[in-house]
Amino acid sequence: MDCSYACGYRNCQMILSSILADPESAKRLEISTVPTVRELQELLESAWSKGFDRDGAEQLGHRVVNTRKWIGTTEIYCILARLGIRSHIVDFHRPTGADNSHAALFSWISQHCSQSKYPLYLQHQGHSRTVVGVESAAGSLLVFDPDMDAGSETPDAFRYTLEMTKKHSQFQVLYVDVHDAADIPKDIGSVRVP
């Protein structure tokens, strides 16, 4: 089982699966099936060898294949870039709710989900999830969590609430832009909110 280190890879697989499911967008990918964790590791090393995220590559010793090194938002960016998919990172660097929650994060995700059919990669220190939608009436995000125990799959297991964001000081969101693949930047930048 790879739960201890592979949440980033599993969430990347979810994003790639959604892109492959759309015939028009799938044409832009250099793959026809969802890569395995090892194949994603190889793609990441390949992206680094092409000059993507030099700082991140150095931080991880330019090597992840056959390791249990954790990856995050910037590594997902590199994997997608290597496959010809542009993505963007948004930093939610501090709580914005009066109760120390991340209200701006929820607001941004709600707006984004109303305009995009692709899932979002949601990262906080030590873990990531895939946001697949928003349940407005309940005020929660609908998520895929690779660490979820299959034996405890209740409907609430797939919801991430504003209350839950209080446990973390920062979040990063990565979203894909399948319509703009020209000149994907090798140095990774992000937008900070607020």
C-alpha atoms as a PDB file:
ATOM      1  CA  MET A   1       0.000   0.000   0.000  1.00  0.00           C
ATOM      2  CA  ASP A   2       1.306   3.460  -0.892  1.00  0.00           C
ATOM      3  CA  CYS A   3      -0.911   5.650   1.308  1.00  0.00           C
ATOM      4  CA  SER A   4       1.986   6.991   3.349  1.00  0.00           C
ATOM      5  CA  TYR A   5       3.571   8.884   0.468  1.00  0.00           C
ATOM      6  CA  ALA A   6       1.499   8.667  -2.726  1.00  0.00           C
ATOM      7  CA  CYS A   7      -1.482  10.961  -2.162  1.00  0.00           C
ATOM      8  CA  GLY A   8      -0.005  13.506  -4.593  1.00  0.00           C
ATOM      9  CA  TYR A   9       0.402  10.878  -7.295  1.00  0.00           C
ATOM     10  CA  ARG A  10      -3.108   9.483  -6.700  1.00  0.00           C
ATOM     11  CA  ASN A  11      -4.621  12.949  -7.009  1.00  0.00           C
ATOM     12  CA  CYS A  12      -2.619  13.570 -10.177  1.00  0.00           C
ATOM     13  CA  GLN A  13      -4.103  10.349 -11.566  1.00  0.00           C
ATOM     14  CA  MET A  14      -7.600  11.696 -10.837  1.00  0.00           C
ATOM     15  CA  ILE A  15      -6.875  14.911 -12.736  1.00  0.00           C
ATOM     16  CA  LEU A  16      -5.394  13.023 -15.689  1.00  0.00           C
ATOM     17  CA  SER A  17      -8.354  10.631 -15.699  1.00  0.00           C
ATOM     18  CA  SER A  18     -10.753  13.563 -16.030  1.00  0.00           C
ATOM     19  CA  ILE A  19      -8.730  15.034 -18.897  1.00  0.00           C
ATOM     20  CA  LEU A  20      -8.564  11.665 -20.687  1.00  0.00           C
ATOM     21  CA  ALA A  21     -12.343  11.307 -20.321  1.00  0.00           C
ATOM     22  CA  ASP A  22     -12.854  14.396 -22.485  1.00  0.00           C
ATOM     23  CA  PRO A  23     -11.997  13.406 -26.088  1.00  0.00           C
ATOM     24  CA  GLU A  24     -11.136  16.966 -27.134  1.00  0.00           C
ATOM     25  CA  SER A  25      -8.796  17.557 -24.202  1.00  0.00           C
ATOM     26  CA  ALA A  26      -7.338  14.035 -24.353  1.00  0.00           C
ATOM     27  CA  LYS A  27      -5.893  14.889 -27.783  1.00  0.00           C
ATOM     28  CA  ARG A  28      -3.524  17.319 -26.054  1.00  0.00           C
ATOM     29  CA  LEU A  29      -2.025  14.654 -23.801  1.00  0.00           C
ATOM     30  CA  GLU A  30       0.989  12.564 -24.714  1.00  0.00           C
ATOM     31  CA  ILE A  31      -0.634   9.537 -23.025  1.00  0.00           C
ATOM     32  CA  SER A  32      -3.729   7.448 -23.680  1.00  0.00           C
ATOM     33  CA  THR A  33      -4.118   5.814 -20.250  1.00  0.00           C
ATOM     34  CA  VAL A  34      -3.666   7.009 -16.692  1.00  0.00           C
ATOM     35  CA  PRO A  35      -0.015   6.508 -15.685  1.00  0.00           C
ATOM     36  CA  THR A  36       0.982   4.356 -12.725  1.00  0.00           C
ATOM     37  CA  VAL A  37       2.704   5.943  -9.728  1.00  0.00           C
ATOM     38  CA  ARG A  38       6.074   4.813 -11.093  1.00  0.00           C
ATOM     39  CA  GLU A  39       5.257   6.283 -14.531  1.00  0.00           C
ATOM     40  CA  LEU A  40       4.314   9.578 -12.863  1.00  0.00           C
ATOM     41  CA  GLN A  41       7.631   9.517 -11.023  1.00  0.00           C
ATOM     42  CA  GLU A  42       9.406   8.995 -14.349  1.00  0.00           C
ATOM     43  CA  LEU A  43       7.457  11.871 -15.904  1.00  0.00           C
ATOM     44  CA  LEU A  44       8.443  14.124 -13.006  1.00  0.00           C
ATOM     45  CA  GLU A  45      12.128  13.302 -13.404  1.00  0.00           C
ATOM     46  CA  SER A  46      11.785  13.855 -17.151  1.00  0.00           C
ATOM     47  CA  ALA A  47      10.226  17.286 -16.533  1.00  0.00           C
ATOM     48  CA  TRP A  48      13.102  18.186 -14.247  1.00  0.00           C
ATOM     49  CA  SER A  49      15.614  17.090 -16.898  1.00  0.00           C
ATOM     50  CA  LYS A  50      13.905  19.520 -19.288  1.00  0.00           C
ATOM     51  CA  GLY A  51      14.458  22.389 -16.842  1.00  0.00           C
ATOM     52  CA  PHE A  52      11.126  22.565 -15.021  1.00  0.00           C
ATOM     53  CA  ASP A  53      11.295  23.692 -11.379  1.00  0.00           C
ATOM     54  CA  ARG A  54      15.056  23.529 -10.840  1.00  0.00           C
ATOM     55  CA  ASP A  55      14.686  24.435  -7.155  1.00  0.00           C
ATOM     56  CA  GLY A  56      12.166  21.664  -6.520  1.00  0.00           C
ATOM     57  CA  ALA A  57      14.305  19.146  -8.394  1.00  0.00           C
ATOM     58  CA  GLU A  58      17.304  20.072  -6.265  1.00  0.00           C
ATOM     59  CA  GLN A  59      15.263  19.870  -3.073  1.00  0.00           C
ATOM     60  CA  LEU A  60      14.270  16.280  -3.921  1.00  0.00           C
ATOM     61  CA  GLY A  61      17.741  15.340  -5.133  1.00  0.00           C
ATOM     62  CA  HIS A  62      16.607  15.137  -8.778  1.00  0.00           C
ATOM     63  CA  ARG A  63      15.263  11.661  -8.051  1.00  0.00           C
ATOM     64  CA  VAL A  64      11.869  10.238  -7.092  1.00  0.00           C
ATOM     65  CA  VAL A  65      11.623   6.996  -9.105  1.00  0.00           C
ATOM     66  CA  ASN A  66      11.383   4.006  -6.764  1.00  0.00           C
ATOM     67  CA  THR A  67      11.364   6.247  -3.692  1.00  0.00           C
ATOM     68  CA  ARG A  68       8.704   7.155  -1.149  1.00  0.00           C
ATOM     69  CA  LYS A  69       9.397  10.890  -1.351  1.00  0.00           C
ATOM     70  CA  TRP A  70       6.323  13.022  -0.925  1.00  0.00           C
ATOM     71  CA  ILE A  71       5.385  15.384  -3.710  1.00  0.00           C
ATOM     72  CA  GLY A  72       3.169  18.434  -3.746  1.00  0.00           C
ATOM     73  CA  THR A  73       1.637  21.084  -5.924  1.00  0.00           C
ATOM     74  CA  THR A  74       4.786  22.118  -7.779  1.00  0.00           C
ATOM     75  CA  GLU A  75       5.618  18.523  -8.691  1.00  0.00           C
ATOM     76  CA  ILE A  76       2.091  18.017 -10.058  1.00  0.00           C
ATOM     77  CA  TYR A  77       2.629  21.187 -12.110  1.00  0.00           C
ATOM     78  CA  CYS A  78       5.817  19.636 -13.555  1.00  0.00           C
ATOM     79  CA  ILE A  79       4.163  16.311 -14.394  1.00  0.00           C
ATOM     80  CA  LEU A  80       1.298  18.054 -16.171  1.00  0.00           C
ATOM     81  CA  ALA A  81       3.716  20.380 -17.986  1.00  0.00           C
ATOM     82  CA  ARG A  82       5.731  17.373 -19.162  1.00  0.00           C
ATOM     83  CA  LEU A  83       2.490  15.997 -20.648  1.00  0.00           C
ATOM     84  CA  GLY A  84       1.731  19.305 -22.376  1.00  0.00           C
ATOM     85  CA  ILE A  85      -0.899  20.544 -19.927  1.00  0.00           C
ATOM     86  CA  ARG A  86      -0.634  24.029 -18.457  1.00  0.00           C
ATOM     87  CA  SER A  87      -1.678  24.429 -14.851  1.00  0.00           C
ATOM     88  CA  HIS A  88      -1.786  27.295 -12.384  1.00  0.00           C
ATOM     89  CA  ILE A  89      -1.200  27.478  -8.643  1.00  0.00           C
ATOM     90  CA  VAL A  90      -3.123  29.649  -6.204  1.00  0.00           C
ATOM     91  CA  ASP A  91      -1.737  30.176  -2.675  1.00  0.00           C
ATOM     92  CA  PHE A  92      -4.123  30.711   0.211  1.00  0.00           C
ATOM     93  CA  HIS A  93      -1.389  31.690   2.646  1.00  0.00           C
ATOM     94  CA  ARG A  94      -3.465  32.582   5.694  1.00  0.00           C
ATOM     95  CA  PRO A  95      -6.946  32.101   7.140  1.00  0.00           C
ATOM     96  CA  THR A  96      -9.461  34.715   6.033  1.00  0.00           C
ATOM     97  CA  GLY A  97     -12.507  33.818   8.117  1.00  0.00           C
ATOM     98  CA  ALA A  98     -13.192  35.481  11.458  1.00  0.00           C
ATOM     99  CA  ASP A  99     -13.121  32.007  13.039  1.00  0.00           C
ATOM    100  CA  ASN A 100      -9.640  31.210  11.608  1.00  0.00           C
ATOM    101  CA  SER A 101     -11.128  29.273   8.689  1.00  0.00           C
ATOM    102  CA  HIS A 102     -10.212  29.660   5.037  1.00  0.00           C
ATOM    103  CA  ALA A 103     -13.352  31.377   3.739  1.00  0.00           C
ATOM    104  CA  ALA A 104     -11.536  32.849   0.718  1.00  0.00           C
ATOM    105  CA  LEU A 105     -10.424  29.347  -0.291  1.00  0.00           C
ATOM    106  CA  PHE A 106     -14.010  28.081  -0.267  1.00  0.00           C
ATOM    107  CA  SER A 107     -15.271  31.114  -2.134  1.00  0.00           C
ATOM    108  CA  TRP A 108     -12.575  30.784  -4.803  1.00  0.00           C
ATOM    109  CA  ILE A 109     -13.179  27.048  -5.256  1.00  0.00           C
ATOM    110  CA  SER A 110     -16.958  27.545  -5.502  1.00  0.00           C
ATOM    111  CA  GLN A 111     -16.516  30.133  -8.225  1.00  0.00           C
ATOM    112  CA  HIS A 112     -13.940  28.046 -10.086  1.00  0.00           C
ATOM    113  CA  CYS A 113     -16.059  24.868  -9.984  1.00  0.00           C
ATOM    114  CA  SER A 114     -18.976  26.740 -11.524  1.00  0.00           C
ATOM    115  CA  GLN A 115     -16.792  27.486 -14.574  1.00  0.00           C
ATOM    116  CA  SER A 116     -14.597  24.380 -14.965  1.00  0.00           C
ATOM    117  CA  LYS A 117     -15.242  20.682 -15.510  1.00  0.00           C
ATOM    118  CA  TYR A 118     -11.843  19.541 -14.282  1.00  0.00           C
ATOM    119  CA  PRO A 119     -11.045  18.671 -10.674  1.00  0.00           C
ATOM    120  CA  LEU A 120      -8.743  20.736  -8.503  1.00  0.00           C
ATOM    121  CA  TYR A 121      -5.668  19.596  -6.627  1.00  0.00           C
ATOM    122  CA  LEU A 122      -5.955  20.809  -3.002  1.00  0.00           C
ATOM    123  CA  GLN A 123      -2.779  20.723  -0.887  1.00  0.00           C
ATOM    124  CA  HIS A 124      -2.054  21.526   2.733  1.00  0.00           C
ATOM    125  CA  GLN A 125       0.994  20.601   4.788  1.00  0.00           C
ATOM    126  CA  GLY A 126       1.440  16.839   4.586  1.00  0.00           C
ATOM    127  CA  HIS A 127      -1.592  15.856   2.505  1.00  0.00           C
ATOM    128  CA  SER A 128      -3.573  16.504  -0.662  1.00  0.00           C
ATOM    129  CA  ARG A 129      -7.051  15.787  -1.989  1.00  0.00           C
ATOM    130  CA  THR A 130      -8.847  16.142  -5.305  1.00  0.00           C
ATOM    131  CA  VAL A 131     -11.809  18.522  -5.274  1.00  0.00           C
ATOM    132  CA  VAL A 132     -14.430  17.187  -7.682  1.00  0.00           C
ATOM    133  CA  GLY A 133     -17.248  19.587  -6.886  1.00  0.00           C
ATOM    134  CA  VAL A 134     -19.021  21.814  -4.396  1.00  0.00           C
ATOM    135  CA  GLU A 135     -22.108  20.985  -2.403  1.00  0.00           C
ATOM    136  CA  SER A 136     -23.472  24.483  -1.933  1.00  0.00           C
ATOM    137  CA  ALA A 137     -26.431  23.607   0.278  1.00  0.00           C
ATOM    138  CA  ALA A 138     -24.188  21.800   2.772  1.00  0.00           C
ATOM    139  CA  GLY A 139     -21.345  24.278   2.415  1.00  0.00           C
ATOM    140  CA  SER A 140     -18.786  21.592   1.684  1.00  0.00           C
ATOM    141  CA  LEU A 141     -16.343  20.544  -0.980  1.00  0.00           C
ATOM    142  CA  LEU A 142     -16.804  17.133  -2.561  1.00  0.00           C
ATOM    143  CA  VAL A 143     -13.413  15.464  -2.495  1.00  0.00           C
ATOM    144  CA  PHE A 144     -11.507  12.323  -3.362  1.00  0.00           C
ATOM    145  CA  ASP A 145      -9.112  11.552  -0.518  1.00  0.00           C
ATOM    146  CA  PRO A 146      -6.551   8.853  -1.374  1.00  0.00           C
ATOM    147  CA  ASP A 147      -6.007   8.139   2.328  1.00  0.00           C
ATOM    148  CA  MET A 148      -9.659   7.362   2.999  1.00  0.00           C
ATOM    149  CA  ASP A 149     -10.112   3.901   4.438  1.00  0.00           C
ATOM    150  CA  ALA A 150     -12.327   1.967   2.027  1.00  0.00           C
ATOM    151  CA  GLY A 151     -14.135   0.402   4.980  1.00  0.00           C
ATOM    152  CA  SER A 152     -15.379   3.741   6.294  1.00  0.00           C
ATOM    153  CA  GLU A 153     -16.851   5.236   3.160  1.00  0.00           C
ATOM    154  CA  THR A 154     -19.797   7.222   4.451  1.00  0.00           C
ATOM    155  CA  PRO A 155     -21.145  10.204   2.516  1.00  0.00           C
ATOM    156  CA  ASP A 156     -19.397  12.524   5.000  1.00  0.00           C
ATOM    157  CA  ALA A 157     -16.057  10.916   4.121  1.00  0.00           C
ATOM    158  CA  PHE A 158     -16.255  12.660   0.758  1.00  0.00           C
ATOM    159  CA  ARG A 159     -16.995  16.106   2.138  1.00  0.00           C
ATOM    160  CA  TYR A 160     -14.467  18.699   3.235  1.00  0.00           C
ATOM    161  CA  THR A 161     -16.053  21.480   5.274  1.00  0.00           C
ATOM    162  CA  LEU A 162     -15.009  25.022   6.053  1.00  0.00           C
ATOM    163  CA  GLU A 163     -14.678  23.963   9.693  1.00  0.00           C
ATOM    164  CA  MET A 164     -12.015  21.420   8.673  1.00  0.00           C
ATOM    165  CA  THR A 165      -9.834  24.152   7.156  1.00  0.00           C
ATOM    166  CA  LYS A 166      -9.132  25.571  10.636  1.00  0.00           C
ATOM    167  CA  LYS A 167      -6.617  22.770  11.195  1.00  0.00           C
ATOM    168  CA  HIS A 168      -4.245  24.197   8.576  1.00  0.00           C
ATOM    169  CA  SER A 169      -2.613  27.588   8.214  1.00  0.00           C
ATOM    170  CA  GLN A 170      -2.067  27.448   4.442  1.00  0.00           C
ATOM    171  CA  PHE A 171      -3.471  25.789   1.326  1.00  0.00           C
ATOM    172  CA  GLN A 172      -2.453  25.603  -2.311  1.00  0.00           C
ATOM    173  CA  VAL A 173      -4.784  24.854  -5.202  1.00  0.00           C
ATOM    174  CA  LEU A 174      -3.678  23.708  -8.637  1.00  0.00           C
ATOM    175  CA  TYR A 175      -6.028  23.909 -11.586  1.00  0.00           C
ATOM    176  CA  VAL A 176      -5.548  22.868 -15.195  1.00  0.00           C
ATOM    177  CA  ASP A 177      -5.977  24.983 -18.299  1.00  0.00           C
ATOM    178  CA  VAL A 178      -6.226  22.523 -21.185  1.00  0.00           C
ATOM    179  CA  HIS A 179      -6.873  25.297 -23.698  1.00  0.00           C
ATOM    180  CA  ASP A 180      -3.535  27.072 -23.185  1.00  0.00           C
ATOM    181  CA  ALA A 181      -0.505  24.822 -23.636  1.00  0.00           C
ATOM    182  CA  ALA A 182       1.807  27.228 -25.444  1.00  0.00           C
ATOM    183  CA  ASP A 183       5.088  28.089 -23.727  1.00  0.00           C
ATOM    184  CA  ILE A 184       4.447  26.536 -20.325  1.00  0.00           C
ATOM    185  CA  PRO A 185       6.745  28.373 -17.871  1.00  0.00           C
ATOM    186  CA  LYS A 186       9.577  26.270 -16.440  1.00  0.00           C
ATOM    187  CA  ASP A 187       9.841  28.482 -13.359  1.00  0.00           C
ATOM    188  CA  ILE A 188       6.735  28.036 -11.268  1.00  0.00           C
ATOM    189  CA  GLY A 189       4.827  31.025 -10.018  1.00  0.00           C
ATOM    190  CA  SER A 190       1.596  31.365  -8.109  1.00  0.00           C
ATOM    191  CA  VAL A 191      -1.153  33.825  -7.336  1.00  0.00           C
ATOM    192  CA  ARG A 192      -1.644  34.711  -3.667  1.00  0.00           C
ATOM    193  CA  VAL A 193      -5.111  35.125  -2.183  1.00  0.00           C
ATOM    194  CA  PRO A 194      -5.792  37.452  -0.479  1.00  0.00           C
END
